[in-house]
């Protein structure tokens, strides 16, 4: 038998990496989806700066860029 579970989901969006950083200072998030290619501070810089400060937050880094190098 399946149990009915109700989830409360709030979606917050930032215009760029710097705006995302302001949100991270103000709110707690369970999961963060970020693009690699963000103006101001890219998604990898955002993750590097914040992942140790938010140990219970899961991160997903996405990109629509077909040709890039990170390493």
N, C-alpha and C. Protein backbone atom coordinates (compact mmCIF):
# COMPACT_ATOMS: atom_id res chain seq x y z
N UNK A 1 0.83 -1.17 0.00
CA UNK A 1 0.00 0.00 0.00
C UNK A 1 0.90 1.25 0.00
N UNK A 2 0.60 2.18 -0.87
CA UNK A 2 1.35 3.42 -0.94
C UNK A 2 0.81 4.42 0.06
N UNK A 3 1.71 5.13 0.67
CA UNK A 3 1.33 6.15 1.62
C UNK A 3 1.38 7.51 0.95
N UNK A 4 0.42 8.33 1.23
CA UNK A 4 0.38 9.68 0.66
C UNK A 4 1.30 10.59 1.49
N UNK A 5 2.25 11.21 0.81
CA UNK A 5 3.17 12.13 1.47
C UNK A 5 3.04 13.49 0.80
N UNK A 6 2.84 14.50 1.60
CA UNK A 6 2.73 15.85 1.06
C UNK A 6 4.05 16.57 1.28
N UNK A 7 4.57 17.16 0.22
CA UNK A 7 5.82 17.89 0.30
C UNK A 7 5.57 19.37 0.11
N UNK A 8 6.27 20.17 0.88
CA UNK A 8 6.22 21.61 0.69
C UNK A 8 7.50 22.00 -0.06
N UNK A 9 7.34 22.54 -1.25
CA UNK A 9 8.48 22.91 -2.07
C UNK A 9 8.41 24.40 -2.35
N UNK A 10 9.51 25.07 -2.08
CA UNK A 10 9.64 26.47 -2.40
C UNK A 10 10.80 26.62 -3.37
N UNK A 11 10.58 27.30 -4.47
CA UNK A 11 11.62 27.51 -5.46
C UNK A 11 12.02 28.97 -5.42
N UNK A 12 13.32 29.20 -5.27
CA UNK A 12 13.87 30.55 -5.25
C UNK A 12 14.88 30.66 -6.37
N UNK A 13 14.89 31.78 -7.05
CA UNK A 13 15.76 31.96 -8.21
C UNK A 13 16.62 33.21 -8.02
N UNK A 14 17.88 33.11 -8.46
CA UNK A 14 18.78 34.26 -8.42
C UNK A 14 19.18 34.62 -9.84
N UNK A 15 19.38 35.90 -10.08
CA UNK A 15 19.74 36.39 -11.42
C UNK A 15 21.17 36.03 -11.81
N UNK A 16 22.07 35.94 -10.81
CA UNK A 16 23.48 35.67 -11.10
C UNK A 16 24.12 35.07 -9.85
N UNK A 17 25.41 34.77 -9.94
CA UNK A 17 26.11 34.15 -8.81
C UNK A 17 26.17 35.03 -7.58
N UNK A 18 26.31 36.33 -7.76
CA UNK A 18 26.37 37.24 -6.61
C UNK A 18 25.03 37.32 -5.90
N UNK A 19 23.95 37.32 -6.66
CA UNK A 19 22.60 37.32 -6.05
C UNK A 19 22.35 35.99 -5.35
N UNK A 20 22.85 34.90 -5.90
CA UNK A 20 22.72 33.59 -5.25
C UNK A 20 23.44 33.58 -3.91
N UNK A 21 24.60 34.21 -3.87
CA UNK A 21 25.35 34.27 -2.63
C UNK A 21 24.57 35.03 -1.55
N UNK A 22 23.90 36.09 -1.91
CA UNK A 22 23.07 36.83 -0.95
C UNK A 22 21.95 35.94 -0.41
N UNK A 23 21.33 35.16 -1.30
CA UNK A 23 20.28 34.23 -0.85
C UNK A 23 20.84 33.19 0.12
N UNK A 24 22.06 32.70 -0.15
CA UNK A 24 22.66 31.70 0.72
C UNK A 24 22.98 32.27 2.10
N UNK A 25 23.25 33.55 2.17
CA UNK A 25 23.50 34.20 3.46
C UNK A 25 22.21 34.36 4.27
N UNK A 26 21.07 34.41 3.58
CA UNK A 26 19.79 34.72 4.23
C UNK A 26 18.91 33.51 4.51
N UNK A 27 19.05 32.44 3.73
CA UNK A 27 18.13 31.31 3.83
C UNK A 27 18.88 29.98 3.85
N UNK A 28 18.21 28.94 4.34
CA UNK A 28 18.73 27.57 4.27
C UNK A 28 18.04 26.85 3.12
N UNK A 29 18.82 26.07 2.38
CA UNK A 29 18.28 25.32 1.25
C UNK A 29 18.66 23.85 1.39
N UNK A 30 17.74 22.96 1.01
CA UNK A 30 18.03 21.53 1.02
C UNK A 30 18.83 21.12 -0.21
N UNK A 31 18.51 21.74 -1.34
CA UNK A 31 19.21 21.42 -2.59
C UNK A 31 19.36 22.71 -3.39
N UNK A 32 20.49 22.84 -4.05
CA UNK A 32 20.78 23.99 -4.89
C UNK A 32 21.13 23.49 -6.28
N UNK A 33 20.40 23.98 -7.27
CA UNK A 33 20.71 23.73 -8.67
C UNK A 33 21.36 25.00 -9.20
N UNK A 34 22.55 24.88 -9.76
CA UNK A 34 23.22 26.05 -10.30
C UNK A 34 23.82 25.73 -11.66
N UNK A 35 23.89 26.74 -12.48
CA UNK A 35 24.55 26.61 -13.78
C UNK A 35 26.03 26.87 -13.58
N UNK A 36 26.86 26.26 -14.39
CA UNK A 36 28.29 26.56 -14.36
C UNK A 36 28.51 27.99 -14.80
N UNK A 37 27.81 28.40 -15.84
CA UNK A 37 28.05 29.69 -16.48
C UNK A 37 27.11 30.74 -15.92
N UNK A 38 27.53 31.41 -14.84
CA UNK A 38 26.75 32.49 -14.23
C UNK A 38 27.58 33.77 -14.27
N UNK A 39 26.95 34.91 -14.50
CA UNK A 39 27.69 36.17 -14.39
C UNK A 39 28.01 36.47 -12.93
N UNK A 40 29.08 37.20 -12.71
CA UNK A 40 29.44 37.63 -11.35
C UNK A 40 30.27 36.60 -10.60
N UNK A 41 29.73 35.43 -10.42
CA UNK A 41 30.41 34.31 -9.77
C UNK A 41 29.83 33.05 -10.38
N UNK A 42 30.68 32.22 -11.01
CA UNK A 42 30.11 31.05 -11.68
C UNK A 42 29.71 29.98 -10.65
N UNK A 43 28.99 28.98 -11.13
CA UNK A 43 28.46 27.95 -10.24
C UNK A 43 29.52 27.17 -9.51
N UNK A 44 30.68 26.96 -10.13
CA UNK A 44 31.75 26.22 -9.46
C UNK A 44 32.35 27.08 -8.34
N UNK A 45 32.53 28.36 -8.59
CA UNK A 45 33.03 29.26 -7.53
C UNK A 45 32.04 29.32 -6.37
N UNK A 46 30.76 29.37 -6.70
CA UNK A 46 29.72 29.40 -5.68
C UNK A 46 29.79 28.13 -4.83
N UNK A 47 29.90 26.98 -5.46
CA UNK A 47 30.00 25.71 -4.75
C UNK A 47 31.26 25.67 -3.90
N UNK A 48 32.40 26.05 -4.45
CA UNK A 48 33.66 26.02 -3.70
C UNK A 48 33.59 26.89 -2.46
N UNK A 49 32.96 28.03 -2.57
CA UNK A 49 32.87 28.96 -1.44
C UNK A 49 31.90 28.49 -0.37
N UNK A 50 30.78 27.85 -0.77
CA UNK A 50 29.69 27.59 0.16
C UNK A 50 29.52 26.15 0.60
N UNK A 51 30.11 25.17 -0.07
CA UNK A 51 29.77 23.78 0.28
C UNK A 51 30.20 23.40 1.70
N UNK A 52 31.30 23.93 2.19
CA UNK A 52 31.73 23.63 3.56
C UNK A 52 30.85 24.35 4.60
N UNK A 53 30.30 25.49 4.23
CA UNK A 53 29.45 26.24 5.15
C UNK A 53 28.03 25.67 5.23
N UNK A 54 27.67 24.88 4.22
CA UNK A 54 26.32 24.29 4.14
C UNK A 54 26.43 22.77 4.01
N UNK A 55 26.89 22.08 5.06
CA UNK A 55 27.16 20.65 4.96
C UNK A 55 25.94 19.77 4.68
N UNK A 56 24.75 20.24 4.98
CA UNK A 56 23.54 19.44 4.76
C UNK A 56 22.84 19.76 3.45
N UNK A 57 23.43 20.65 2.66
CA UNK A 57 22.84 21.04 1.38
C UNK A 57 23.41 20.20 0.25
N UNK A 58 22.54 19.72 -0.61
CA UNK A 58 22.96 18.97 -1.79
C UNK A 58 23.11 19.95 -2.96
N UNK A 59 24.10 19.72 -3.80
CA UNK A 59 24.38 20.60 -4.93
C UNK A 59 24.25 19.84 -6.24
N UNK A 60 23.66 20.47 -7.24
CA UNK A 60 23.60 19.94 -8.60
C UNK A 60 24.06 21.05 -9.53
N UNK A 61 25.15 20.78 -10.27
CA UNK A 61 25.69 21.78 -11.19
C UNK A 61 25.32 21.36 -12.61
N UNK A 62 24.69 22.28 -13.32
CA UNK A 62 24.20 22.01 -14.67
C UNK A 62 24.87 22.96 -15.65
N UNK A 63 24.79 22.61 -16.93
CA UNK A 63 25.27 23.54 -17.95
C UNK A 63 24.62 23.23 -19.28
N UNK A 64 24.30 24.29 -20.00
CA UNK A 64 23.79 24.17 -21.36
C UNK A 64 24.88 24.41 -22.39
N UNK A 65 26.11 24.62 -21.91
CA UNK A 65 27.22 24.88 -22.81
C UNK A 65 27.71 23.56 -23.38
N UNK A 66 27.82 23.48 -24.70
CA UNK A 66 28.25 22.23 -25.32
C UNK A 66 29.76 22.10 -25.43
N UNK A 67 30.50 23.19 -25.34
CA UNK A 67 31.95 23.13 -25.48
C UNK A 67 32.60 23.97 -24.39
N UNK A 68 33.10 23.30 -23.35
CA UNK A 68 33.76 24.04 -22.28
C UNK A 68 34.82 23.16 -21.64
N UNK A 69 35.73 23.80 -20.93
CA UNK A 69 36.77 23.09 -20.18
C UNK A 69 36.81 23.63 -18.76
N UNK A 70 36.74 22.73 -17.79
CA UNK A 70 36.95 23.07 -16.39
C UNK A 70 37.89 22.02 -15.84
N UNK A 71 38.85 22.44 -15.08
CA UNK A 71 39.73 21.44 -14.52
C UNK A 71 40.88 22.01 -13.78
